[in-house]
Amino acid sequence: MLAAQPATPPAAVAVPPAQAAAEPVKIVRYGLDHAELGMSLADWRAASPDNAQAACALAPSHPQVVVCDAPPRPAPKGGYLDEQNRRAVFVDGVLARVSYSTTIDAFDGVMARLDQTFGRPARVVRDTIRLQDGLVLPRVQMTWTNGLATIRLTDPEAPGGLMTVRATLNEDASRLPDRG
């Protein structure tokens, strides 16, 4: 059972001024609800109560990057997707990445949503991965791209063995701390 989130929103983070952004690249709600790549931090916070409660901080050694970690979202009753590690990353005040992790048993549901929204992946790589406990599992990495944004699903991803989905605005990918 998750502890209740505090009603007081976290302190504001000083964000470098946003550069003039083109029309936001619409990423249909597939993880972080109410998130469109290219939107401002203020617009993202105002888009949902979960976003407003996210803890945001400047990334070490990357003064133009703000990382916001949203509270975990349990699966709705009868649902399949328990979202963990929900994160939004802003470069120069513009949403450059949204990501979340979930248990690997949510694969079919996540794939159905991605296929319906974005079609079949442009690239699929299958290999194996060794987890922290030494267990070796088959892994699949799928990539969707439209030239402006890239969505990557990795199932499972080390070290914890969770499935991760991340959408990245291509023009800002090289400026992100982890480049992943």
Protein backbone atom coordinates (compact mmCIF):
# COMPACT_ATOMS: atom_id res chain seq x y z
CA MET A 1 0.00 0.00 0.00
CA LEU A 2 1.34 3.40 -0.94
CA ALA A 3 1.59 6.19 1.61
CA ALA A 4 -0.56 9.23 0.94
CA GLN A 5 1.24 12.04 -0.85
CA PRO A 6 1.62 15.38 0.96
CA ALA A 7 -0.98 17.97 0.01
CA THR A 8 1.66 20.73 -0.13
CA PRO A 9 3.31 21.01 -3.54
CA PRO A 10 7.12 20.85 -3.56
CA ALA A 11 9.12 24.05 -3.69
CA ALA A 12 9.57 25.61 -7.10
CA VAL A 13 12.81 25.01 -8.95
CA ALA A 14 14.52 27.83 -10.80
CA VAL A 15 14.44 26.82 -14.44
CA PRO A 16 16.50 28.42 -17.20
CA PRO A 17 14.28 30.36 -19.64
CA ALA A 18 12.73 28.21 -22.35
CA GLN A 19 13.96 28.66 -25.85
CA ALA A 20 11.29 29.25 -28.46
CA ALA A 21 9.88 25.78 -28.98
CA ALA A 22 8.12 24.58 -32.09
CA GLU A 23 4.67 23.03 -31.78
CA PRO A 24 4.89 20.34 -29.06
CA VAL A 25 5.43 16.80 -30.33
CA LYS A 26 2.27 15.05 -29.12
CA ILE A 27 3.00 11.89 -27.19
CA VAL A 28 -0.32 10.24 -26.40
CA ARG A 29 -0.72 9.33 -22.74
CA TYR A 30 1.18 6.08 -22.41
CA GLY A 31 2.97 6.56 -19.10
CA LEU A 32 3.14 10.06 -17.74
CA ASP A 33 -0.37 11.35 -18.24
CA HIS A 34 -0.73 14.84 -19.61
CA ALA A 35 2.82 14.96 -20.98
CA GLU A 36 3.67 16.35 -24.40
CA LEU A 37 7.28 16.52 -25.48
CA GLY A 38 8.10 20.18 -26.04
CA MET A 39 5.77 21.58 -23.35
CA SER A 40 7.09 23.86 -20.60
CA LEU A 41 7.66 22.79 -17.00
CA ALA A 42 4.89 25.15 -15.85
CA ASP A 43 2.42 23.67 -18.36
CA TRP A 44 3.43 20.11 -17.40
CA ARG A 45 2.91 20.83 -13.67
CA ALA A 46 -0.50 22.40 -14.37
CA ALA A 47 -1.62 19.44 -16.51
CA SER A 48 -2.32 17.01 -13.64
CA PRO A 49 -2.22 16.69 -9.83
CA ASP A 50 0.46 13.97 -10.11
CA ASN A 51 2.69 16.29 -12.11
CA ALA A 52 2.11 19.11 -9.61
CA GLN A 53 3.34 16.82 -6.78
CA ALA A 54 6.51 15.76 -8.60
CA ALA A 55 9.81 16.54 -6.89
CA CYS A 56 11.99 18.56 -9.30
CA ALA A 57 15.68 19.40 -9.08
CA LEU A 58 18.51 20.60 -11.28
CA ALA A 59 20.61 17.73 -12.65
CA PRO A 60 24.18 17.67 -11.26
CA SER A 61 26.72 18.95 -13.81
CA HIS A 62 23.86 19.87 -16.20
CA PRO A 63 22.55 23.32 -15.18
CA GLN A 64 20.17 23.47 -18.15
CA VAL A 65 18.44 20.19 -17.11
CA VAL A 66 15.63 19.82 -14.56
CA VAL A 67 14.57 16.30 -13.53
CA CYS A 68 11.10 15.75 -12.04
CA ASP A 69 10.23 12.47 -10.32
CA ALA A 70 6.50 11.90 -9.97
CA PRO A 71 4.98 9.69 -7.27
CA PRO A 72 4.39 6.02 -8.24
CA ARG A 73 0.96 5.32 -9.69
CA PRO A 74 -0.62 1.99 -8.72
CA ALA A 75 -2.61 0.10 -11.32
CA PRO A 76 -6.31 0.94 -11.41
CA LYS A 77 -8.60 -1.76 -10.07
CA GLY A 78 -8.59 -4.52 -12.66
CA GLY A 79 -5.74 -2.79 -14.51
CA TYR A 80 -2.37 -4.14 -15.52
CA LEU A 81 -0.01 -1.20 -15.34
CA ASP A 82 1.65 -0.23 -12.07
CA GLU A 83 3.84 2.74 -13.01
CA GLN A 84 7.05 3.26 -11.06
CA ASN A 85 10.06 5.55 -11.55
CA ARG A 86 7.88 8.09 -13.36
CA ARG A 87 10.17 10.84 -14.59
CA ALA A 88 10.03 13.97 -16.74
CA VAL A 89 13.24 15.66 -17.87
CA PHE A 90 13.33 19.27 -19.08
CA VAL A 91 16.15 20.87 -21.10
CA ASP A 92 16.13 24.68 -21.06
CA GLY A 93 12.60 24.53 -19.66
CA VAL A 94 11.22 22.27 -22.41
CA LEU A 95 10.03 18.68 -21.79
CA ALA A 96 12.67 16.55 -23.53
CA ARG A 97 11.92 13.08 -22.05
CA VAL A 98 9.18 11.22 -20.24
CA SER A 99 9.72 7.74 -18.86
CA TYR A 100 8.37 5.12 -16.49
CA SER A 101 9.08 1.57 -15.38
CA THR A 102 6.65 -1.22 -14.69
CA THR A 103 6.74 -4.94 -14.02
CA ILE A 104 7.56 -7.13 -16.99
CA ASP A 105 4.17 -8.86 -16.81
CA ALA A 106 2.60 -5.64 -18.16
CA PHE A 107 4.36 -6.18 -21.52
CA ASP A 108 1.27 -7.21 -23.52
CA GLY A 109 -0.80 -4.26 -22.30
CA VAL A 110 1.96 -1.73 -22.91
CA MET A 111 2.65 -3.16 -26.38
CA ALA A 112 -1.04 -3.01 -27.27
CA ARG A 113 -1.11 0.68 -26.32
CA LEU A 114 2.08 1.51 -28.22
CA ASP A 115 1.01 -0.48 -31.31
CA GLN A 116 -2.40 1.20 -31.35
CA THR A 117 -0.90 4.68 -30.98
CA PHE A 118 2.35 4.46 -32.96
CA GLY A 119 2.07 1.32 -35.12
CA ARG A 120 4.68 -1.42 -35.26
CA PRO A 121 8.18 -0.59 -33.93
CA ALA A 122 10.80 0.54 -36.45
CA ARG A 123 13.47 -1.61 -34.79
CA VAL A 124 13.43 -4.72 -32.59
CA VAL A 125 16.55 -6.17 -30.95
CA ARG A 126 16.49 -9.40 -28.95
CA ASP A 127 19.35 -10.44 -26.67
CA THR A 128 19.93 -11.50 -23.05
CA ILE A 129 20.64 -9.57 -19.88
CA ARG A 130 22.20 -10.55 -16.55
CA LEU A 131 20.36 -9.03 -13.58
CA GLN A 132 21.93 -8.04 -10.24
CA ASP A 133 21.18 -11.44 -8.73
CA GLY A 134 22.97 -13.21 -11.61
CA LEU A 135 19.79 -14.37 -13.31
CA VAL A 136 20.06 -14.28 -17.11
CA LEU A 137 16.83 -13.36 -18.93
CA PRO A 138 15.86 -12.81 -22.55
CA ARG A 139 15.49 -9.10 -23.34
CA VAL A 140 13.73 -7.19 -26.09
CA GLN A 141 14.42 -3.59 -27.06
CA MET A 142 11.91 -1.89 -29.37
CA THR A 143 12.14 1.55 -30.94
CA TRP A 144 9.50 3.76 -32.56
CA THR A 145 10.49 7.04 -34.22
CA ASN A 146 8.82 9.76 -36.26
CA GLY A 147 11.88 11.92 -36.89
CA LEU A 148 11.00 14.33 -34.07
CA ALA A 149 10.78 11.91 -31.16
CA THR A 150 11.90 8.40 -30.30
CA ILE A 151 10.12 5.94 -28.03
CA ARG A 152 12.14 3.07 -26.61
CA LEU A 153 10.79 0.06 -24.72
CA THR A 154 13.32 -2.19 -22.94
CA ASP A 155 12.04 -5.37 -21.28
CA PRO A 156 13.65 -6.05 -18.87
CA GLU A 157 16.17 -3.33 -18.10
CA ALA A 158 18.98 -3.71 -15.56
CA PRO A 159 19.56 -3.43 -12.73
CA GLY A 160 16.10 -4.18 -11.28
CA GLY A 161 14.60 -6.23 -14.07
CA LEU A 162 11.69 -3.85 -14.71
CA MET A 163 10.34 -2.93 -18.14
CA THR A 164 11.13 0.69 -19.06
CA VAL A 165 9.40 2.93 -21.60
CA ARG A 166 10.91 6.31 -22.48
CA ALA A 167 10.01 8.94 -25.07
CA THR A 168 12.67 11.48 -26.02
CA LEU A 169 12.55 14.64 -28.09
CA ASN A 170 15.31 13.96 -30.63
CA GLU A 171 16.67 17.52 -30.79
CA ASP A 172 17.46 17.44 -27.05
CA ALA A 173 18.66 13.83 -26.75
CA SER A 174 22.36 14.72 -26.81
CA ARG A 175 21.89 17.25 -24.00
CA LEU A 176 20.34 14.79 -21.54
CA PRO A 177 22.55 13.55 -18.68
CA ASP A 178 22.14 9.82 -19.47
CA ARG A 179 21.76 10.05 -23.27
CA GLY A 180 19.64 6.83 -23.11
